[in-house]
All heavy atoms as atom14 arrays in JSON, in Angstrom:
{
  "sequence": "IEAKTSDHLRRSYFAQVIIQRMDIPENERIRLL",
  "atom14_mask": [
    [1, 1, 1, 1, 1, 1, 1, 1, 0, 0, 0, 0, 0, 0],
    [1, 1, 1, 1, 1, 1, 1, 1, 1, 0, 0, 0, 0, 0],
    [1, 1, 1, 1, 1, 0, 0, 0, 0, 0, 0, 0, 0, 0],
    [1, 1, 1, 1, 1, 1, 1, 1, 1, 0, 0, 0, 0, 0],
    [1, 1, 1, 1, 1, 1, 1, 0, 0, 0, 0, 0, 0, 0],
    [1, 1, 1, 1, 1, 1, 0, 0, 0, 0, 0, 0, 0, 0],
    [1, 1, 1, 1, 1, 1, 1, 1, 0, 0, 0, 0, 0, 0],
    [1, 1, 1, 1, 1, 1, 1, 1, 1, 1, 0, 0, 0, 0],
    [1, 1, 1, 1, 1, 1, 1, 1, 0, 0, 0, 0, 0, 0],
    [1, 1, 1, 1, 1, 1, 1, 1, 1, 1, 1, 0, 0, 0],
    [1, 1, 1, 1, 1, 1, 1, 1, 1, 1, 1, 0, 0, 0],
    [1, 1, 1, 1, 1, 1, 0, 0, 0, 0, 0, 0, 0, 0],
    [1, 1, 1, 1, 1, 1, 1, 1, 1, 1, 1, 1, 0, 0],
    [1, 1, 1, 1, 1, 1, 1, 1, 1, 1, 1, 0, 0, 0],
    [1, 1, 1, 1, 1, 0, 0, 0, 0, 0, 0, 0, 0, 0],
    [1, 1, 1, 1, 1, 1, 1, 1, 1, 0, 0, 0, 0, 0],
    [1, 1, 1, 1, 1, 1, 1, 0, 0, 0, 0, 0, 0, 0],
    [1, 1, 1, 1, 1, 1, 1, 1, 0, 0, 0, 0, 0, 0],
    [1, 1, 1, 1, 1, 1, 1, 1, 0, 0, 0, 0, 0, 0],
    [1, 1, 1, 1, 1, 1, 1, 1, 1, 0, 0, 0, 0, 0],
    [1, 1, 1, 1, 1, 1, 1, 1, 1, 1, 1, 0, 0, 0],
    [1, 1, 1, 1, 1, 1, 1, 1, 0, 0, 0, 0, 0, 0],
    [1, 1, 1, 1, 1, 1, 1, 1, 0, 0, 0, 0, 0, 0],
    [1, 1, 1, 1, 1, 1, 1, 1, 0, 0, 0, 0, 0, 0],
    [1, 1, 1, 1, 1, 1, 1, 0, 0, 0, 0, 0, 0, 0],
    [1, 1, 1, 1, 1, 1, 1, 1, 1, 0, 0, 0, 0, 0],
    [1, 1, 1, 1, 1, 1, 1, 1, 0, 0, 0, 0, 0, 0],
    [1, 1, 1, 1, 1, 1, 1, 1, 1, 0, 0, 0, 0, 0],
    [1, 1, 1, 1, 1, 1, 1, 1, 1, 1, 1, 0, 0, 0],
    [1, 1, 1, 1, 1, 1, 1, 1, 0, 0, 0, 0, 0, 0],
    [1, 1, 1, 1, 1, 1, 1, 1, 1, 1, 1, 0, 0, 0],
    [1, 1, 1, 1, 1, 1, 1, 1, 0, 0, 0, 0, 0, 0],
    [1, 1, 1, 1, 1, 1, 1, 1, 0, 0, 0, 0, 0, 0]
  ],
  "atom14_positions": [
    [[0.84, -1.21, 0.0], [0.0, 0.0, 0.0], [0.87, 1.26, 0.0], [0.59, 2.23, -0.7], [-0.96, -0.02, 1.21], [-2.0, -1.13, 1.01], [-1.66, 1.34, 1.37], [-2.87, -1.39, 2.23], [0.0, 0.0, 0.0], [0.0, 0.0, 0.0], [0.0, 0.0, 0.0], [0.0, 0.0, 0.0], [0.0, 0.0, 0.0], [0.0, 0.0, 0.0]],
    [[1.97, 1.23, 0.76], [2.89, 2.37, 0.77], [3.49, 2.57, -0.62], [3.65, 3.71, -1.08], [4.0, 2.15, 1.79], [3.53, 2.27, 3.23], [4.65, 1.95, 4.22], [5.51, 1.09, 3.89], [4.66, 2.54, 5.32], [0.0, 0.0, 0.0], [0.0, 0.0, 0.0], [0.0, 0.0, 0.0], [0.0, 0.0, 0.0], [0.0, 0.0, 0.0]],
    [[3.82, 1.47, -1.31], [4.44, 1.55, -2.63], [3.48, 2.12, -3.67], [3.89, 2.87, -4.55], [4.94, 0.17, -3.06], [0.0, 0.0, 0.0], [0.0, 0.0, 0.0], [0.0, 0.0, 0.0], [0.0, 0.0, 0.0], [0.0, 0.0, 0.0], [0.0, 0.0, 0.0], [0.0, 0.0, 0.0], [0.0, 0.0, 0.0], [0.0, 0.0, 0.0]],
    [[2.2, 1.76, -3.57], [1.25, 2.21, -4.59], [0.68, 3.6, -4.3], [0.04, 4.19, -5.18], [0.1, 1.2, -4.75], [-0.92, 1.19, -3.63], [-2.18, 0.43, -4.03], [-3.25, 0.52, -2.95], [-4.57, 0.06, -3.39], [0.0, 0.0, 0.0], [0.0, 0.0, 0.0], [0.0, 0.0, 0.0], [0.0, 0.0, 0.0], [0.0, 0.0, 0.0]],
    [[0.88, 4.12, -3.09], [0.34, 5.44, -2.75], [1.43, 6.46, -2.45], [1.16, 7.54, -1.93], [-0.58, 5.33, -1.52], [0.15, 4.8, -0.4], [-1.79, 4.44, -1.8], [0.0, 0.0, 0.0], [0.0, 0.0, 0.0], [0.0, 0.0, 0.0], [0.0, 0.0, 0.0], [0.0, 0.0, 0.0], [0.0, 0.0, 0.0], [0.0, 0.0, 0.0]],
    [[2.66, 6.15, -2.8], [3.79, 7.04, -2.51], [3.58, 8.44, -3.08], [3.07, 8.62, -4.19], [5.07, 6.44, -3.11], [6.13, 7.39, -3.09], [0.0, 0.0, 0.0], [0.0, 0.0, 0.0], [0.0, 0.0, 0.0], [0.0, 0.0, 0.0], [0.0, 0.0, 0.0], [0.0, 0.0, 0.0], [0.0, 0.0, 0.0], [0.0, 0.0, 0.0]],
    [[4.0, 9.44, -2.33], [3.92, 10.83, -2.79], [4.82, 11.09, -3.99], [4.64, 12.08, -4.71], [4.3, 11.78, -1.65], [3.25, 11.82, -0.54], [2.09, 11.46, -0.82], [3.6, 12.2, 0.59], [0.0, 0.0, 0.0], [0.0, 0.0, 0.0], [0.0, 0.0, 0.0], [0.0, 0.0, 0.0], [0.0, 0.0, 0.0], [0.0, 0.0, 0.0]],
    [[5.79, 10.21, -4.21], [6.72, 10.39, -5.33], [6.09, 10.0, -6.67], [6.59, 10.4, -7.73], [7.98, 9.56, -5.11], [8.86, 10.08, -4.01], [9.94, 10.9, -4.25], [8.8, 9.91, -2.67], [10.51, 11.21, -3.09], [9.84, 10.62, -2.13], [0.0, 0.0, 0.0], [0.0, 0.0, 0.0], [0.0, 0.0, 0.0], [0.0, 0.0, 0.0]],
    [[5.01, 9.21, -6.65], [4.41, 8.74, -7.89], [3.63, 9.85, -8.58], [2.88, 10.58, -7.95], [3.46, 7.57, -7.6], [4.12, 6.26, -7.13], [3.05, 5.23, -6.81], [5.08, 5.72, -8.18], [0.0, 0.0, 0.0], [0.0, 0.0, 0.0], [0.0, 0.0, 0.0], [0.0, 0.0, 0.0], [0.0, 0.0, 0.0], [0.0, 0.0, 0.0]],
    [[3.79, 9.92, -9.9], [3.05, 10.9, -10.7], [1.63, 10.42, -11.02], [0.76, 11.22, -11.31], [3.79, 11.19, -12.01], [5.17, 11.81, -11.83], [5.66, 12.42, -13.14], [5.71, 11.42, -14.21], [6.8, 10.78, -14.57], [7.94, 11.01, -13.93], [6.78, 9.9, -15.56], [0.0, 0.0, 0.0], [0.0, 0.0, 0.0], [0.0, 0.0, 0.0]],
    [[1.43, 9.09, -11.0], [0.14, 8.53, -11.4], [-0.23, 7.36, -10.49], [0.62, 6.81, -9.79], [0.2, 8.01, -12.85], [0.61, 9.04, -13.85], [0.95, 8.39, -15.18], [-0.18, 7.72, -15.78], [-0.08, 6.9, -16.84], [1.11, 6.65, -17.36], [-1.14, 6.34, -17.35], [0.0, 0.0, 0.0], [0.0, 0.0, 0.0], [0.0, 0.0, 0.0]],
    [[-1.51, 7.0, -10.57], [-2.0, 5.81, -9.88], [-2.9, 5.05, -10.85], [-3.84, 5.62, -11.4], [-2.79, 6.19, -8.62], [-3.37, 5.04, -8.03], [0.0, 0.0, 0.0], [0.0, 0.0, 0.0], [0.0, 0.0, 0.0], [0.0, 0.0, 0.0], [0.0, 0.0, 0.0], [0.0, 0.0, 0.0], [0.0, 0.0, 0.0], [0.0, 0.0, 0.0]],
    [[-2.56, 3.77, -11.11], [-3.37, 2.99, -12.05], [-3.2, 1.5, -11.81], [-2.26, 1.05, -11.16], [-3.01, 3.32, -13.5], [-1.59, 2.93, -13.89], [-1.27, 1.61, -14.19], [-0.58, 3.88, -13.97], [0.03, 1.25, -14.55], [0.71, 3.54, -14.33], [1.01, 2.22, -14.62], [2.28, 1.87, -14.96], [0.0, 0.0, 0.0], [0.0, 0.0, 0.0]],
    [[-4.14, 0.74, -12.36], [-4.01, -0.71, -12.51], [-4.31, -1.03, -13.96], [-5.19, -0.41, -14.58], [-5.0, -1.46, -11.61], [-4.74, -1.29, -10.15], [-5.51, -0.43, -9.4], [-3.73, -1.99, -9.53], [-5.28, -0.25, -8.06], [-3.47, -1.82, -8.18], [-4.25, -0.96, -7.44], [0.0, 0.0, 0.0], [0.0, 0.0, 0.0], [0.0, 0.0, 0.0]],
    [[-3.59, -1.99, -14.53], [-3.82, -2.37, -15.92], [-3.87, -3.88, -16.04], [-3.07, -4.6, -15.44], [-2.7, -1.82, -16.81], [0.0, 0.0, 0.0], [0.0, 0.0, 0.0], [0.0, 0.0, 0.0], [0.0, 0.0, 0.0], [0.0, 0.0, 0.0], [0.0, 0.0, 0.0], [0.0, 0.0, 0.0], [0.0, 0.0, 0.0], [0.0, 0.0, 0.0]],
    [[-4.84, -4.35, -16.81], [-4.98, -5.77, -17.11], [-4.49, -6.01, -18.53], [-4.76, -5.21, -19.43], [-6.45, -6.2, -16.99], [-6.72, -7.64, -17.37], [-8.2, -7.95, -17.46], [-9.04, -7.09, -17.24], [-8.54, -9.18, -17.8], [0.0, 0.0, 0.0], [0.0, 0.0, 0.0], [0.0, 0.0, 0.0], [0.0, 0.0, 0.0], [0.0, 0.0, 0.0]],
    [[-3.79, -7.1, -18.75], [-3.33, -7.47, -20.09], [-4.32, -8.48, -20.66], [-4.42, -9.61, -20.17], [-1.91, -8.07, -20.07], [-1.51, -8.52, -21.47], [-0.91, -7.06, -19.53], [0.0, 0.0, 0.0], [0.0, 0.0, 0.0], [0.0, 0.0, 0.0], [0.0, 0.0, 0.0], [0.0, 0.0, 0.0], [0.0, 0.0, 0.0], [0.0, 0.0, 0.0]],
    [[-5.05, -8.07, -21.7], [-5.99, -8.96, -22.36], [-5.43, -9.32, -23.73], [-5.01, -8.45, -24.48], [-7.38, -8.3, -22.52], [-7.98, -8.02, -21.14], [-8.31, -9.18, -23.34], [-9.33, -7.33, -21.2], [0.0, 0.0, 0.0], [0.0, 0.0, 0.0], [0.0, 0.0, 0.0], [0.0, 0.0, 0.0], [0.0, 0.0, 0.0], [0.0, 0.0, 0.0]],
    [[-5.4, -10.61, -24.05], [-4.85, -11.05, -25.33], [-5.91, -11.81, -26.13], [-6.82, -12.41, -25.57], [-3.6, -11.95, -25.14], [-3.95, -13.21, -24.35], [-2.49, -11.18, -24.49], [-2.8, -14.2, -24.25], [0.0, 0.0, 0.0], [0.0, 0.0, 0.0], [0.0, 0.0, 0.0], [0.0, 0.0, 0.0], [0.0, 0.0, 0.0], [0.0, 0.0, 0.0]],
    [[-5.75, -11.75, -27.44], [-6.56, -12.57, -28.33], [-5.86, -13.91, -28.46], [-4.77, -14.01, -29.03], [-6.69, -11.9, -29.71], [-7.46, -12.72, -30.73], [-7.5, -12.05, -32.09], [-7.64, -10.86, -32.19], [-7.33, -12.85, -33.14], [0.0, 0.0, 0.0], [0.0, 0.0, 0.0], [0.0, 0.0, 0.0], [0.0, 0.0, 0.0], [0.0, 0.0, 0.0]],
    [[-6.43, -14.92, -27.9], [-5.74, -16.21, -27.81], [-5.74, -16.94, -29.14], [-6.79, -17.2, -29.72], [-6.37, -17.07, -26.71], [-6.22, -16.43, -25.33], [-6.81, -17.28, -24.22], [-6.69, -16.58, -22.95], [-5.64, -16.65, -22.14], [-4.61, -17.41, -22.49], [-5.6, -15.98, -21.01], [0.0, 0.0, 0.0], [0.0, 0.0, 0.0], [0.0, 0.0, 0.0]],
    [[-4.54, -17.27, -29.63], [-4.39, -18.06, -30.85], [-4.52, -19.53, -30.47], [-3.73, -20.04, -29.68], [-3.01, -17.79, -31.48], [-2.8, -16.34, -31.89], [-1.09, -16.02, -32.41], [-1.0, -16.97, -33.92], [0.0, 0.0, 0.0], [0.0, 0.0, 0.0], [0.0, 0.0, 0.0], [0.0, 0.0, 0.0], [0.0, 0.0, 0.0], [0.0, 0.0, 0.0]],
    [[-5.5, -20.19, -31.03], [-5.81, -21.56, -30.63], [-4.9, -22.56, -31.33], [-5.34, -23.47, -32.03], [-7.28, -21.86, -30.94], [-7.74, -23.17, -30.3], [-7.09, -23.6, -29.33], [-8.74, -23.75, -30.78], [0.0, 0.0, 0.0], [0.0, 0.0, 0.0], [0.0, 0.0, 0.0], [0.0, 0.0, 0.0], [0.0, 0.0, 0.0], [0.0, 0.0, 0.0]],
    [[-3.59, -22.36, -31.14], [-2.58, -23.29, -31.66], [-1.52, -23.45, -30.58], [-1.39, -22.61, -29.7], [-1.95, -22.78, -32.97], [-1.34, -21.38, -32.77], [-2.96, -22.78, -34.11], [-0.61, -20.86, -34.0], [0.0, 0.0, 0.0], [0.0, 0.0, 0.0], [0.0, 0.0, 0.0], [0.0, 0.0, 0.0], [0.0, 0.0, 0.0], [0.0, 0.0, 0.0]],
    [[-0.73, -24.52, -30.61], [0.31, -24.73, -29.6], [1.34, -23.6, -29.59], [1.56, -22.93, -30.61], [0.94, -26.06, -30.01], [-0.1, -26.75, -30.84], [-0.83, -25.65, -31.56], [0.0, 0.0, 0.0], [0.0, 0.0, 0.0], [0.0, 0.0, 0.0], [0.0, 0.0, 0.0], [0.0, 0.0, 0.0], [0.0, 0.0, 0.0], [0.0, 0.0, 0.0]],
    [[2.01, -23.44, -28.48], [2.99, -22.37, -28.32], [4.11, -22.47, -29.35], [4.56, -21.46, -29.89], [3.57, -22.4, -26.89], [4.71, -21.44, -26.63], [4.31, -19.97, -26.55], [3.17, -19.63, -26.96], [5.13, -19.16, -26.08], [0.0, 0.0, 0.0], [0.0, 0.0, 0.0], [0.0, 0.0, 0.0], [0.0, 0.0, 0.0], [0.0, 0.0, 0.0]],
    [[4.57, -23.67, -29.68], [5.66, -23.78, -30.65], [5.24, -23.3, -32.04], [6.04, -22.74, -32.8], [6.21, -25.21, -30.71], [5.17, -26.23, -31.15], [3.97, -25.96, -31.12], [5.61, -27.42, -31.53], [0.0, 0.0, 0.0], [0.0, 0.0, 0.0], [0.0, 0.0, 0.0], [0.0, 0.0, 0.0], [0.0, 0.0, 0.0], [0.0, 0.0, 0.0]],
    [[3.96, -23.47, -32.38], [3.47, -22.95, -33.66], [3.31, -21.43, -33.61], [3.56, -20.74, -34.61], [2.14, -23.61, -34.02], [2.26, -25.1, -34.33], [0.93, -25.7, -34.74], [0.11, -24.99, -35.36], [0.7, -26.89, -34.44], [0.0, 0.0, 0.0], [0.0, 0.0, 0.0], [0.0, 0.0, 0.0], [0.0, 0.0, 0.0], [0.0, 0.0, 0.0]],
    [[2.9, -20.92, -32.47], [2.83, -19.46, -32.32], [4.2, -18.84, -32.49], [4.36, -17.77, -33.09], [2.23, -19.1, -30.95], [0.79, -19.5, -30.76], [0.16, -18.81, -29.56], [0.72, -19.2, -28.29], [0.2, -20.11, -27.46], [-0.9, -20.76, -27.81], [0.76, -20.37, -26.3], [0.0, 0.0, 0.0], [0.0, 0.0, 0.0], [0.0, 0.0, 0.0]],
    [[5.22, -19.5, -31.95], [6.59, -18.99, -32.06], [7.0, -18.85, -33.52], [7.52, -17.82, -33.96], [7.58, -19.91, -31.3], [7.41, -19.71, -29.78], [9.02, -19.63, -31.73], [8.21, -20.69, -28.95], [0.0, 0.0, 0.0], [0.0, 0.0, 0.0], [0.0, 0.0, 0.0], [0.0, 0.0, 0.0], [0.0, 0.0, 0.0], [0.0, 0.0, 0.0]],
    [[6.78, -19.89, -34.3], [7.18, -19.86, -35.72], [6.44, -18.75, -36.48], [7.03, -18.02, -37.26], [6.9, -21.21, -36.37], [7.83, -22.31, -35.9], [7.59, -23.62, -36.63], [8.55, -24.61, -36.19], [9.79, -24.73, -36.66], [10.2, -23.92, -37.63], [10.61, -25.64, -36.21], [0.0, 0.0, 0.0], [0.0, 0.0, 0.0], [0.0, 0.0, 0.0]],
    [[5.16, -18.64, -36.23], [4.34, -17.66, -36.93], [4.76, -16.23, -36.6], [4.92, -15.38, -37.5], [2.87, -17.87, -36.55], [1.84, -17.0, -37.25], [1.8, -17.31, -38.74], [0.46, -17.2, -36.63], [0.0, 0.0, 0.0], [0.0, 0.0, 0.0], [0.0, 0.0, 0.0], [0.0, 0.0, 0.0], [0.0, 0.0, 0.0], [0.0, 0.0, 0.0]],
    [[4.97, -15.95, -35.32], [5.3, -14.59, -34.89], [6.76, -14.24, -35.15], [7.09, -13.08, -35.41], [4.97, -14.43, -33.41], [3.49, -14.63, -33.04], [3.28, -14.53, -31.54], [2.61, -13.6, -33.76], [0.0, 0.0, 0.0], [0.0, 0.0, 0.0], [0.0, 0.0, 0.0], [0.0, 0.0, 0.0], [0.0, 0.0, 0.0], [0.0, 0.0, 0.0]]
  ]
}
């Protein structure tokens, strides 16, 4: 709580990472990307 409310911080936020899931195995995703 001290870390997220510090007076030194310029902003306060939370962010969620949402991804479009590719329905293929990880090794195939690696080759494609």
